[in-house]
C-alpha atoms as a PDB file:
ATOM      1  CA  MET A   1     157.896  97.990 102.131  1.00  0.00           C
ATOM      2  CA  THR A   2     155.445  96.021 103.088  1.00  0.00           C
ATOM      3  CA  ALA A   3     153.241  97.168  99.691  1.00  0.00           C
ATOM      4  CA  ALA A   4     155.940  97.728  97.378  1.00  0.00           C
ATOM      5  CA  LYS A   5     156.657  94.081  98.129  1.00  0.00           C
ATOM      6  CA  PHE A   6     153.277  93.533  96.919  1.00  0.00           C
ATOM      7  CA  LEU A   7     152.936  95.649  94.637  1.00  0.00           C
ATOM      8  CA  LEU A   8     155.283  93.608  92.453  1.00  0.00           C
ATOM      9  CA  VAL A   9     154.397  90.151  93.258  1.00  0.00           C
ATOM     10  CA  ALA A  10     150.538  91.228  91.887  1.00  0.00           C
ATOM     11  CA  ALA A  11     152.871  93.010  88.647  1.00  0.00           C
ATOM     12  CA  LEU A  12     154.477  89.277  88.050  1.00  0.00           C
ATOM     13  CA  LEU A  13     150.872  87.938  88.161  1.00  0.00           C
ATOM     14  CA  ALA A  14     150.045  90.619  85.695  1.00  0.00           C
ATOM     15  CA  GLY A  15     152.911  90.139  83.257  1.00  0.00           C
ATOM     16  CA  VAL A  16     152.208  86.154  83.937  1.00  0.00           C
ATOM     17  CA  THR A  17     148.479  85.824  83.345  1.00  0.00           C
ATOM     18  CA  TRP A  18     148.586  88.461  79.823  1.00  0.00           C
ATOM     19  CA  LYS A  19     151.441  86.487  78.528  1.00  0.00           C
ATOM     20  CA  TYR A  20     149.337  83.000  79.601  1.00  0.00           C
ATOM     21  CA  GLY A  21     146.093  84.923  77.472  1.00  0.00           C
ATOM     22  CA  LEU A  22     148.244  85.772  75.074  1.00  0.00           C
ATOM     23  CA  ASP A  23     149.717  82.208  74.812  1.00  0.00           C
ATOM     24  CA  ALA A  24     145.832  80.702  74.812  1.00  0.00           C
ATOM     25  CA  ILE A  25     144.244  82.610  72.618  1.00  0.00           C
ATOM     26  CA  ASN A  26     147.195  82.086  69.393  1.00  0.00           C
ATOM     27  CA  THR A  27     146.735  77.975  70.404  1.00  0.00           C
ATOM     28  CA  ARG A  28     142.834  78.800  69.848  1.00  0.00           C
ATOM     29  CA  LEU A  29     143.653  80.709  66.363  1.00  0.00           C
ATOM     30  CA  VAL A  30     145.442  78.036  65.427  1.00  0.00           C
ATOM     31  CA  THR A  31     143.066  75.242  66.734  1.00  0.00           C
ATOM     32  CA  ALA A  32     140.174  77.619  64.748  1.00  0.00           C
ATOM     33  CA  PHE A  33     142.298  78.621  61.781  1.00  0.00           C
ATOM     34  CA  PRO A  34     144.491  76.093  60.662  1.00  0.00           C
ATOM     35  CA  ILE A  35     146.012  76.347  57.241  1.00  0.00           C
ATOM     36  CA  LYS A  36     144.518  73.927  54.834  1.00  0.00           C
ATOM     37  CA  TYR A  37     145.379  74.397  51.592  1.00  0.00           C
ATOM     38  CA  VAL A  38     148.915  75.609  50.347  1.00  0.00           C
ATOM     39  CA  ARG A  39     148.096  76.407  46.723  1.00  0.00           C
ATOM     40  CA  THR A  40     150.991  76.174  44.408  1.00  0.00           C
ATOM     41  CA  GLU A  41     150.763  77.666  40.716  1.00  0.00           C
ATOM     42  CA  GLY A  42     153.348  77.796  38.131  1.00  0.00           C
ATOM     43  CA  ILE A  43     154.626  76.379  34.751  1.00  0.00           C
ATOM     44  CA  PHE A  44     157.526  74.692  35.493  1.00  0.00           C
ATOM     45  CA  GLN A  45     160.030  72.499  32.572  1.00  0.00           C
ATOM     46  CA  TYR A  46     162.861  71.962  35.790  1.00  0.00           C
ATOM     47  CA  LEU A  47     161.241  72.821  38.744  1.00  0.00           C
ATOM     48  CA  ARG A  48     159.437  70.633  40.875  1.00  0.00           C
ATOM     49  CA  LYS A  49     156.805  70.765  43.255  1.00  0.00           C
ATOM     50  CA  ASP A  50     157.797  68.809  45.763  1.00  0.00           C
ATOM     51  CA  GLU A  51     161.088  71.191  45.801  1.00  0.00           C
ATOM     52  CA  ILE A  52     158.628  74.164  47.118  1.00  0.00           C
ATOM     53  CA  GLN A  53     156.835  71.636  49.169  1.00  0.00           C
ATOM     54  CA  THR A  54     159.812  70.168  51.148  1.00  0.00           C
ATOM     55  CA  ALA A  55     160.892  74.029  51.360  1.00  0.00           C
ATOM     56  CA  LEU A  56     157.557  75.118  52.686  1.00  0.00           C
ATOM     57  CA  GLU A  57     156.606  72.221  54.879  1.00  0.00           C
ATOM     58  CA  PRO A  58     158.039  73.263  58.525  1.00  0.00           C
ATOM     59  CA  LEU A  59     156.660  76.778  57.317  1.00  0.00           C
ATOM     60  CA  VAL A  60     152.815  76.357  57.321  1.00  0.00           C
ATOM     61  CA  ASN A  61     152.061  73.987  59.612  1.00  0.00           C
ATOM     62  CA  THR A  62     150.204  76.639  61.872  1.00  0.00           C
ATOM     63  CA  GLY A  63     147.783  79.080  61.808  1.00  0.00           C
ATOM     64  CA  PHE A  64     145.990  81.015  58.678  1.00  0.00           C
ATOM     65  CA  PHE A  65     146.718  84.266  60.652  1.00  0.00           C
ATOM     66  CA  ASP A  66     150.442  83.062  62.728  1.00  0.00           C
ATOM     67  CA  ALA A  67     152.338  82.559  59.454  1.00  0.00           C
ATOM     68  CA  ASP A  68     154.925  84.727  58.053  1.00  0.00           C
ATOM     69  CA  ILE A  69     154.741  85.774  54.439  1.00  0.00           C
ATOM     70  CA  GLN A  70     158.025  86.575  54.143  1.00  0.00           C
ATOM     71  CA  VAL A  71     159.435  83.995  55.282  1.00  0.00           C
ATOM     72  CA  ILE A  72     157.822  81.420  52.828  1.00  0.00           C
ATOM     73  CA  HIS A  73     158.598  83.584  50.327  1.00  0.00           C
ATOM     74  CA  ALA A  74     162.327  83.698  51.286  1.00  0.00           C
ATOM     75  CA  ALA A  75     162.434  79.753  51.328  1.00  0.00           C
ATOM     76  CA  VAL A  76     161.053  79.909  47.879  1.00  0.00           C
ATOM     77  CA  SER A  77     162.758  82.035  46.377  1.00  0.00           C
ATOM     78  CA  THR A  78     166.370  80.357  47.705  1.00  0.00           C
ATOM     79  CA  LEU A  79     165.619  77.436  45.701  1.00  0.00           C
ATOM     80  CA  PRO A  80     167.707  77.522  42.312  1.00  0.00           C
ATOM     81  CA  TRP A  81     164.813  77.185  39.990  1.00  0.00           C
ATOM     82  CA  VAL A  82     162.993  80.505  40.981  1.00  0.00           C
ATOM     83  CA  GLU A  83     163.257  83.865  39.210  1.00  0.00           C
ATOM     84  CA  SER A  84     160.411  85.453  41.227  1.00  0.00           C
ATOM     85  CA  VAL A  85     158.062  84.308  43.721  1.00  0.00           C
ATOM     86  CA  THR A  86     154.564  85.747  45.177  1.00  0.00           C
ATOM     87  CA  VAL A  87     153.221  84.787  48.395  1.00  0.00           C
ATOM     88  CA  LYS A  88     149.143  85.270  50.004  1.00  0.00           C
ATOM     89  CA  ARG A  89     146.452  84.600  52.306  1.00  0.00           C
ATOM     90  CA  VAL A  90     143.151  83.486  50.852  1.00  0.00           C
ATOM     91  CA  TRP A  91     140.702  83.486  53.265  1.00  0.00           C
ATOM     92  CA  PRO A  92     139.564  81.171  55.075  1.00  0.00           C
ATOM     93  CA  ASP A  93     142.535  78.787  55.071  1.00  0.00           C
ATOM     94  CA  VAL A  94     144.811  78.941  52.030  1.00  0.00           C
ATOM     95  CA  ILE A  95     148.249  80.297  51.363  1.00  0.00           C
ATOM     96  CA  ASP A  96     148.476  81.000  47.198  1.00  0.00           C
ATOM     97  CA  ILE A  97     152.047  80.796  45.971  1.00  0.00           C
ATOM     98  CA  LYS A  98     153.165  81.780  42.825  1.00  0.00           C
ATOM     99  CA  VAL A  99     156.320  81.030  41.022  1.00  0.00           C
ATOM    100  CA  HIS A 100     157.787  82.390  37.920  1.00  0.00           C
ATOM    101  CA  GLU A 101     160.757  79.312  36.892  1.00  0.00           C
ATOM    102  CA  ARG A 102     164.046  80.342  36.249  1.00  0.00           C
ATOM    103  CA  LYS A 103     165.052  79.582  32.498  1.00  0.00           C
ATOM    104  CA  PRO A 104     168.964  78.565  32.203  1.00  0.00           C
ATOM    105  CA  PHE A 105     170.655  80.437  28.654  1.00  0.00           C
ATOM    106  CA  VAL A 106     173.796  79.101  28.938  1.00  0.00           C
ATOM    107  CA  ARG A 107     176.189  77.181  31.739  1.00  0.00           C
ATOM    108  CA  TRP A 108     178.740  79.207  33.272  1.00  0.00           C
ATOM    109  CA  GLY A 109     181.613  77.410  34.804  1.00  0.00           C
ATOM    110  CA  GLU A 110     181.552  73.640  35.913  1.00  0.00           C
ATOM    111  CA  LYS A 111     178.428  73.449  38.291  1.00  0.00           C
ATOM    112  CA  SER A 112     176.310  76.437  37.538  1.00  0.00           C
ATOM    113  CA  LEU A 113     173.891  77.742  34.873  1.00  0.00           C
ATOM    114  CA  ILE A 114     173.068  81.404  33.591  1.00  0.00           C
ATOM    115  CA  SER A 115     169.916  82.791  32.449  1.00  0.00           C
ATOM    116  CA  LYS A 116     169.574  85.164  29.907  1.00  0.00           C
ATOM    117  CA  GLU A 117     169.458  88.438  32.005  1.00  0.00           C
ATOM    118  CA  GLY A 118     172.578  87.487  33.889  1.00  0.00           C
ATOM    119  CA  VAL A 119     171.195  85.428  36.949  1.00  0.00           C
ATOM    120  CA  ILE A 120     173.850  82.702  37.714  1.00  0.00           C
ATOM    121  CA  PHE A 121     172.359  79.799  39.449  1.00  0.00           C
ATOM    122  CA  THR A 122     173.463  76.088  40.811  1.00  0.00           C
ATOM    123  CA  PRO A 123     170.571  73.510  41.106  1.00  0.00           C
ATOM    124  CA  LYS A 124     171.293  70.023  41.979  1.00  0.00           C
ATOM    125  CA  SER A 125     172.706  68.806  38.697  1.00  0.00           C
ATOM    126  CA  ILE A 126     173.395  70.535  35.037  1.00  0.00           C
ATOM    127  CA  GLU A 127     173.612  66.891  33.797  1.00  0.00           C
ATOM    128  CA  PRO A 128     171.118  67.739  30.938  1.00  0.00           C
ATOM    129  CA  PHE A 129     172.319  70.924  29.727  1.00  0.00           C
ATOM    130  CA  GLU A 130     176.070  69.625  28.874  1.00  0.00           C
ATOM    131  CA  ASP A 131     175.010  70.732  25.480  1.00  0.00           C
ATOM    132  CA  LEU A 132     174.464  74.386  26.775  1.00  0.00           C
ATOM    133  CA  LEU A 133     177.061  76.423  25.109  1.00  0.00           C
ATOM    134  CA  VAL A 134     179.747  76.981  28.453  1.00  0.00           C
ATOM    135  CA  LEU A 135     180.969  80.600  29.648  1.00  0.00           C
ATOM    136  CA  THR A 136     183.006  81.524  31.977  1.00  0.00           C
ATOM    137  CA  GLY A 137     184.715  85.250  33.020  1.00  0.00           C
ATOM    138  CA  PRO A 138     185.478  86.911  36.021  1.00  0.00           C
ATOM    139  CA  GLU A 139     183.949  87.665  39.408  1.00  0.00           C
ATOM    140  CA  GLN A 140     181.203  90.153  39.397  1.00  0.00           C
ATOM    141  CA  GLN A 141     181.053  90.426  35.850  1.00  0.00           C
ATOM    142  CA  GLN A 142     178.831  88.249  34.173  1.00  0.00           C
ATOM    143  CA  VAL A 143     176.710  90.368  33.191  1.00  0.00           C
ATOM    144  CA  LYS A 144     179.342  91.980  30.921  1.00  0.00           C
ATOM    145  CA  THR A 145     180.785  88.678  29.832  1.00  0.00           C
ATOM    146  CA  LEU A 146     177.089  87.141  28.778  1.00  0.00           C
ATOM    147  CA  GLU A 147     176.640  90.077  26.261  1.00  0.00           C
ATOM    148  CA  ILE A 148     179.791  89.808  24.806  1.00  0.00           C
ATOM    149  CA  MET A 149     179.325  86.431  23.867  1.00  0.00           C
ATOM    150  CA  LYS A 150     176.362  87.309  22.522  1.00  0.00           C
ATOM    151  CA  GLY A 151     177.806  89.333  20.120  1.00  0.00           C
ATOM    152  CA  VAL A 152     180.517  87.046  19.530  1.00  0.00           C
ATOM    153  CA  LYS A 153     178.177  84.275  18.761  1.00  0.00           C
ATOM    154  CA  THR A 154     176.026  86.108  16.475  1.00  0.00           C
ATOM    155  CA  THR A 155     179.325  87.221  14.219  1.00  0.00           C
ATOM    156  CA  LEU A 156     180.383  83.516  14.556  1.00  0.00           C
ATOM    157  CA  ALA A 157     176.682  82.499  13.558  1.00  0.00           C
ATOM    158  CA  ASP A 158     176.935  85.250  10.465  1.00  0.00           C
ATOM    159  CA  GLN A 159     179.756  82.626   9.080  1.00  0.00           C
ATOM    160  CA  SER A 160     177.975  79.529   9.746  1.00  0.00           C
ATOM    161  CA  LEU A 161     179.993  78.794  12.889  1.00  0.00           C
ATOM    162  CA  GLU A 162     178.784  77.433  15.739  1.00  0.00           C
ATOM    163  CA  LEU A 163     180.176  78.908  19.319  1.00  0.00           C
ATOM    164  CA  ALA A 164     180.798  76.147  22.200  1.00  0.00           C
ATOM    165  CA  GLU A 165     182.898  77.726  24.178  1.00  0.00           C
ATOM    166  CA  PHE A 166     183.893  81.591  25.392  1.00  0.00           C
ATOM    167  CA  SER A 167     185.589  82.655  28.311  1.00  0.00           C
ATOM    168  CA  ILE A 168     187.452  85.716  29.952  1.00  0.00           C
ATOM    169  CA  ASN A 169     189.681  85.059  32.234  1.00  0.00           C
ATOM    170  CA  ASN A 170     191.050  87.838  34.997  1.00  0.00           C
ATOM    171  CA  ARG A 171     193.302  89.880  32.583  1.00  0.00           C
ATOM    172  CA  TRP A 172     190.031  90.044  30.462  1.00  0.00           C
ATOM    173  CA  ALA A 173     191.843  88.021  27.728  1.00  0.00           C
ATOM    174  CA  TRP A 174     189.435  86.333  25.428  1.00  0.00           C
ATOM    175  CA  LYS A 175     189.213  82.908  24.225  1.00  0.00           C
ATOM    176  CA  ILE A 176     186.527  80.871  21.797  1.00  0.00           C
ATOM    177  CA  LYS A 177     186.161  77.285  21.153  1.00  0.00           C
ATOM    178  CA  LEU A 178     183.688  76.257  18.109  1.00  0.00           C
ATOM    179  CA  ALA A 179     182.028  73.464  18.009  1.00  0.00           C
ATOM    180  CA  ASN A 180     184.043  72.156  14.959  1.00  0.00           C
ATOM    181  CA  GLY A 181     187.074  71.807  17.881  1.00  0.00           C
ATOM    182  CA  LEU A 182     188.949  74.996  17.103  1.00  0.00           C
ATOM    183  CA  ASP A 183     190.358  77.057  19.943  1.00  0.00           C
ATOM    184  CA  ILE A 184     190.356  81.201  19.251  1.00  0.00           C
ATOM    185  CA  LEU A 185     193.181  83.205  20.987  1.00  0.00           C
ATOM    186  CA  LEU A 186     191.349  86.664  20.382  1.00  0.00           C
ATOM    187  CA  GLY A 187     194.098  87.786  23.735  1.00  0.00           C
ATOM    188  CA  ARG A 188     193.500  91.479  25.510  1.00  0.00           C
ATOM    189  CA  SER A 189     192.678  94.281  23.080  1.00  0.00           C
ATOM    190  CA  GLU A 190     190.634  94.911  20.180  1.00  0.00           C
ATOM    191  CA  GLN A 191     189.141  90.656  19.896  1.00  0.00           C
ATOM    192  CA  LEU A 192     186.551  91.505  17.604  1.00  0.00           C
ATOM    193  CA  LYS A 193     188.285  93.494  14.766  1.00  0.00           C
ATOM    194  CA  LYS A 194     191.071  90.675  14.982  1.00  0.00           C
ATOM    195  CA  LEU A 195     188.343  87.846  14.878  1.00  0.00           C
ATOM    196  CA  GLN A 196     186.234  89.804  12.123  1.00  0.00           C
ATOM    197  CA  ARG A 197     189.608  90.180  10.221  1.00  0.00           C
ATOM    198  CA  PHE A 198     190.027  86.344  10.791  1.00  0.00           C
ATOM    199  CA  LEU A 199     186.531  85.288   9.581  1.00  0.00           C
ATOM    200  CA  LYS A 200     187.225  86.738   6.008  1.00  0.00           C
ATOM    201  CA  THR A 201     190.014  85.137   5.183  1.00  0.00           C
ATOM    202  CA  LEU A 202     187.931  82.367   5.148  1.00  0.00           C
ATOM    203  CA  ILE A 203     186.446  82.606   2.120  1.00  0.00           C
ATOM    204  CA  VAL A 204     189.609  81.922   0.460  1.00  0.00           C
ATOM    205  CA  LEU A 205     189.857  78.679   2.229  1.00  0.00           C
ATOM    206  CA  GLN A 206     188.380  74.657   1.761  1.00  0.00           C
ATOM    207  CA  GLN A 207     186.829  73.223   4.153  1.00  0.00           C
ATOM    208  CA  GLU A 208     188.872  70.567   4.457  1.00  0.00           C
ATOM    209  CA  GLN A 209     191.583  73.306   5.337  1.00  0.00           C
ATOM    210  CA  ILE A 210     189.672  74.823   8.247  1.00  0.00           C
ATOM    211  CA  ASP A 211     187.993  71.592   9.833  1.00  0.00           C
ATOM    212  CA  ALA A 212     192.227  70.936   9.638  1.00  0.00           C
ATOM    213  CA  MET A 213     192.841  73.921  11.873  1.00  0.00           C
ATOM    214  CA  GLU A 214     193.603  73.035  16.085  1.00  0.00           C
ATOM    215  CA  VAL A 215     194.657  76.786  17.215  1.00  0.00           C
ATOM    216  CA  VAL A 216     194.552  79.879  15.658  1.00  0.00           C
ATOM    217  CA  ASP A 217     196.166  82.785  17.764  1.00  0.00           C
ATOM    218  CA  LEU A 218     194.819  86.568  16.922  1.00  0.00           C
ATOM    219  CA  ARG A 219     196.968  88.063  19.398  1.00  0.00           C
ATOM    220  CA  TYR A 220     199.305  89.712  16.408  1.00  0.00           C
ATOM    221  CA  PRO A 221     198.586  93.284  14.924  1.00  0.00           C
ATOM    222  CA  ASN A 222     198.884  92.548  11.664  1.00  0.00           C
ATOM    223  CA  GLY A 223     197.846  88.388  11.216  1.00  0.00           C
ATOM    224  CA  TYR A 224     197.488  85.322  12.793  1.00  0.00           C
ATOM    225  CA  ALA A 225     199.005  81.677  13.388  1.00  0.00           C
ATOM    226  CA  VAL A 226     197.385  78.718  12.795  1.00  0.00           C
ATOM    227  CA  SER A 227     198.555  75.074  14.643  1.00  0.00           C
ATOM    228  CA  TRP A 228     197.381  72.357  12.789  1.00  0.00           C
ATOM    229  CA  LYS A 229     195.900  69.315  14.212  1.00  0.00           C
ATOM    230  CA  ALA A 230     198.190  65.868  14.159  1.00  0.00           C
ATOM    231  CA  GLY A 231     198.571  64.717  10.418  1.00  0.00           C
ATOM    232  CA  THR A 232     197.105  67.735   8.328  1.00  0.00           C
ATOM    233  CA  PRO A 233     198.950  67.210   5.104  1.00  0.00           C
ATOM    234  CA  GLU A 234     200.483  70.921   4.506  1.00  0.00           C
ATOM    235  CA  PHE A 235     198.778  73.113   1.398  1.00  0.00           C
ATOM    236  CA  ASP A 236     199.872  74.887  -1.283  1.00  0.00           C
ATOM    237  CA  TRP A 237     199.161  78.729   0.109  1.00  0.00           C
ATOM    238  CA  LYS A 238     200.558  80.297  -3.103  1.00  0.00           C
ATOM    239  CA  ALA A 239     198.269  78.063  -4.588  1.00  0.00           C
ATOM    240  CA  ILE A 240     195.168  79.235  -2.280  1.00  0.00           C
ATOM    241  CA  ALA A 241     196.660  82.957  -2.632  1.00  0.00           C
ATOM    242  CA  SER A 242     196.103  83.028  -6.638  1.00  0.00           C
ATOM    243  CA  GLY A 243     192.812  81.873  -6.074  1.00  0.00           C
ATOM    244  CA  ASN A 244     193.076  78.730  -7.317  1.00  0.00           C
ATOM    245  CA  PRO A 245     190.300  76.355  -5.396  1.00  0.00           C
ATOM    246  CA  GLN A 246     192.338  73.255  -5.485  1.00  0.00           C
ATOM    247  CA  SER A 247     195.168  73.409  -2.654  1.00  0.00           C
ATOM    248  CA  THR A 248     198.501  71.177  -3.672  1.00  0.00           C
ATOM    249  CA  ILE A 249     199.612  69.226  -1.097  1.00  0.00           C
ATOM    250  CA  THR A 250     203.262  68.926  -0.581  1.00  0.00           C
ATOM    251  CA  SER A 251     203.784  66.385   2.889  1.00  0.00           C
ATOM    252  CA  THR A 252     201.722  66.106   5.584  1.00  0.00           C
ATOM    253  CA  LYS A 253     202.597  66.973   9.508  1.00  0.00           C
ATOM    254  CA  ARG A 254     203.800  64.597  11.818  1.00  0.00           C
END
């Protein structure tokens, strides 16, 4: 029994000594090989270096060998403006970080931005990007929504029309707002076909008539309905249909 107790005490002492020895070695390594420099490289338009510094500060206050590269990588990657990052040690005292900044393509909803590749990110403020096109769509469907929007934007641009907002609701009904304020409702089926049909009719209209449109509802199989802005005069559609460029004003809408 005495021998067994002696062996147990000896084992415990060895464990304490081993742990103490490791702690002492680690302390000496941190002291002998501290991280002196954190080098950050990249071309930044929106990302601030102080943001990176704040994220890294508690992680690099250690020794060269103790720095956890994966944790550093994760900390920088979580910053909204970071698209990709590489981290490596450079002997004897440098942590080298290369960052590629994420570029906003359009806005996503009210508070976020989305990249050209369909990555949604939310910086502290999107106020500087209020002039960007606004895109909204079903949850987890931002890539598909983005690709559809690109096609719609091109179609409108071919007619010298500028897209300001594009949305797809949870039932996959499309809605467009142009830069001139015109809302276009496209519904859930054959949206591009309906849009192209509408755009073809614009060639018979004058700019004043196009500018007077408030809402265009394309959710009809063979035509569309127009809501006009308040105070818009009524036009002589027979004259327009006959090809007469000068429409006759018959009355004013109230």
